[in-house]
């Protein structure tokens, strides 16, 4: 068994134990952070071919909890691409599928960030990546991220 598997299994156990503490802590943080700006961090990802089950187990069981431990990240929601889509064709909106819209990424995560400045939050993500605080699965193939400041409406 590869060494990363043992480390990942260990992180899963730790993440499971800390999950309830993390959720309670984040809810308290949200209540205290009412005056801070809110941001939405969109993360689109793909896994290595054929590794969807292992990728989603790692993402849901380990990675989300690792990110939620970072001060300022207060929530996350994940989704998977569907084949039912829409697109613009001329001036009309028409039905389409994932191939027709050239969808490149299969998975979506939407993170909620509360901070006066989002840069230190994302810098902490970069700092922790590939460390014991945030192990990355070898099934994690690629990602595209973009950050938006919420308009407040």
Protein backbone atom coordinates (compact mmCIF):
# COMPACT_ATOMS: atom_id res chain seq x y z
CA UNK A 1 0.00 0.00 0.00
CA UNK A 2 1.52 3.41 -0.97
CA UNK A 3 2.60 5.69 1.90
CA UNK A 4 0.13 8.41 0.88
CA UNK A 5 -2.71 5.91 1.54
CA UNK A 6 -1.71 5.54 5.18
CA UNK A 7 -1.41 9.29 5.60
CA UNK A 8 -4.76 9.80 3.91
CA UNK A 9 -6.45 7.18 6.12
CA UNK A 10 -5.02 8.89 9.17
CA UNK A 11 -6.33 12.26 7.99
CA UNK A 12 -9.79 10.72 7.41
CA UNK A 13 -9.91 9.55 11.02
CA UNK A 14 -8.79 12.94 12.29
CA UNK A 15 -11.21 14.76 9.98
CA UNK A 16 -14.14 12.63 11.13
CA UNK A 17 -13.33 13.39 14.76
CA UNK A 18 -12.91 17.09 14.13
CA UNK A 19 -15.83 17.52 11.75
CA UNK A 20 -18.47 18.26 14.38
CA UNK A 21 -16.11 20.58 16.26
CA UNK A 22 -15.29 22.39 13.02
CA UNK A 23 -18.93 22.88 12.05
CA UNK A 24 -19.81 24.27 15.48
CA UNK A 25 -16.74 26.51 15.44
CA UNK A 26 -17.53 27.87 11.96
CA UNK A 27 -21.12 28.67 12.94
CA UNK A 28 -19.81 30.64 15.91
CA UNK A 29 -17.30 32.41 13.65
CA UNK A 30 -20.09 33.40 11.24
CA UNK A 31 -22.07 34.90 14.10
CA UNK A 32 -19.03 36.95 15.24
CA UNK A 33 -18.09 38.06 11.73
CA UNK A 34 -21.23 39.99 10.85
CA UNK A 35 -19.28 43.14 9.94
CA UNK A 36 -16.85 41.42 7.56
CA UNK A 37 -17.05 41.29 3.77
CA UNK A 38 -18.34 38.09 2.17
CA UNK A 39 -16.73 36.36 -0.79
CA UNK A 40 -17.64 33.36 -2.93
CA UNK A 41 -14.74 31.18 -4.03
CA UNK A 42 -15.62 28.95 -6.98
CA UNK A 43 -13.43 25.86 -7.36
CA UNK A 44 -13.89 23.65 -10.43
CA UNK A 45 -12.05 20.32 -10.36
CA UNK A 46 -11.42 17.06 -12.15
CA UNK A 47 -10.04 13.81 -10.86
CA UNK A 48 -7.76 11.32 -12.52
CA UNK A 49 -9.68 9.08 -14.96
CA UNK A 50 -11.69 6.34 -13.28
CA UNK A 51 -10.98 7.59 -9.74
CA UNK A 52 -14.24 9.43 -9.05
CA UNK A 53 -15.17 7.34 -6.00
CA UNK A 54 -11.78 7.76 -4.31
CA UNK A 55 -11.62 11.45 -5.26
CA UNK A 56 -15.06 12.22 -3.82
CA UNK A 57 -14.34 10.21 -0.66
CA UNK A 58 -11.17 12.25 -0.12
CA UNK A 59 -12.79 15.58 -1.02
CA UNK A 60 -15.88 15.08 1.16
CA UNK A 61 -14.16 13.19 3.98
CA UNK A 62 -10.87 15.08 4.28
CA UNK A 63 -10.37 18.10 2.02
CA UNK A 64 -13.52 20.03 2.92
CA UNK A 65 -12.73 19.74 6.64
CA UNK A 66 -9.12 20.83 6.02
CA UNK A 67 -10.33 23.96 4.23
CA UNK A 68 -13.03 24.71 6.80
CA UNK A 69 -10.31 24.83 9.50
CA UNK A 70 -8.78 27.84 7.75
CA UNK A 71 -9.92 31.07 9.44
CA UNK A 72 -12.24 32.94 7.11
CA UNK A 73 -13.62 29.93 5.22
CA UNK A 74 -17.05 29.47 6.76
CA UNK A 75 -18.99 27.20 4.39
CA UNK A 76 -18.79 24.87 1.42
CA UNK A 77 -21.20 23.21 -0.99
CA UNK A 78 -20.27 20.69 -3.72
CA UNK A 79 -21.96 19.66 -6.95
CA UNK A 80 -21.35 17.49 -10.00
CA UNK A 81 -21.86 18.44 -13.65
CA UNK A 82 -25.06 17.23 -15.28
CA UNK A 83 -25.58 16.56 -18.95
CA UNK A 84 -28.63 18.86 -19.10
CA UNK A 85 -27.43 22.39 -19.88
CA UNK A 86 -28.51 25.55 -21.70
CA UNK A 87 -26.56 27.85 -24.01
CA UNK A 88 -26.95 30.94 -26.14
CA UNK A 89 -27.57 30.30 -29.81
CA UNK A 90 -27.74 33.64 -31.56
CA UNK A 91 -30.16 35.68 -29.47
CA UNK A 92 -31.93 32.64 -28.00
CA UNK A 93 -31.33 30.45 -25.01
CA UNK A 94 -31.54 26.81 -26.10
CA UNK A 95 -31.23 23.39 -24.50
CA UNK A 96 -27.78 21.80 -24.69
CA UNK A 97 -25.62 19.10 -23.13
CA UNK A 98 -22.24 19.18 -21.41
CA UNK A 99 -20.34 18.42 -24.63
CA UNK A 100 -22.13 21.20 -26.52
CA UNK A 101 -21.04 23.83 -24.00
CA UNK A 102 -17.47 22.47 -23.89
CA UNK A 103 -17.68 21.80 -20.15
CA UNK A 104 -14.12 21.12 -19.00
CA UNK A 105 -14.66 20.41 -15.29
CA UNK A 106 -16.85 17.76 -13.68
CA UNK A 107 -16.95 18.94 -10.05
CA UNK A 108 -17.81 22.25 -8.42
CA UNK A 109 -17.18 23.48 -4.89
CA UNK A 110 -18.52 26.82 -3.70
CA UNK A 111 -16.75 28.15 -0.62
CA UNK A 112 -18.06 31.00 1.50
CA UNK A 113 -15.38 33.31 2.84
CA UNK A 114 -15.84 36.04 5.45
CA UNK A 115 -12.89 38.39 5.81
CA UNK A 116 -11.95 42.04 5.56
CA UNK A 117 -9.42 40.97 2.93
CA UNK A 118 -9.59 37.56 1.19
CA UNK A 119 -5.89 37.49 0.23
CA UNK A 120 -4.65 36.20 3.63
CA UNK A 121 -7.31 33.47 3.55
CA UNK A 122 -6.21 32.23 0.13
CA UNK A 123 -2.55 32.64 1.09
CA UNK A 124 -3.22 30.26 4.00
CA UNK A 125 -4.74 27.74 1.57
CA UNK A 126 -1.58 27.93 -0.55
CA UNK A 127 0.64 27.66 2.54
CA UNK A 128 -1.13 24.54 3.87
CA UNK A 129 -1.45 22.71 0.53
CA UNK A 130 0.62 19.50 0.36
CA UNK A 131 1.43 19.64 4.09
CA UNK A 132 0.05 17.44 6.89
CA UNK A 133 -2.56 20.19 7.42
CA UNK A 134 -3.88 19.71 3.88
CA UNK A 135 -2.88 16.51 2.13
CA UNK A 136 -3.80 16.44 -1.54
CA UNK A 137 -5.01 13.18 -3.00
CA UNK A 138 -3.17 11.77 -6.02
CA UNK A 139 -6.66 11.49 -7.60
CA UNK A 140 -6.85 15.32 -7.67
CA UNK A 141 -5.97 16.02 -11.32
CA UNK A 142 -6.69 19.70 -11.97
CA UNK A 143 -8.52 22.75 -10.71
CA UNK A 144 -9.62 26.19 -11.81
CA UNK A 145 -10.58 28.77 -9.19
CA UNK A 146 -12.10 32.23 -9.22
CA UNK A 147 -13.03 34.52 -6.32
CA UNK A 148 -15.98 36.93 -6.25
CA UNK A 149 -16.92 39.57 -3.70
CA UNK A 150 -20.59 39.23 -2.77
CA UNK A 151 -22.70 42.22 -3.77
CA UNK A 152 -24.69 42.12 -0.57
CA UNK A 153 -28.14 41.91 -2.09
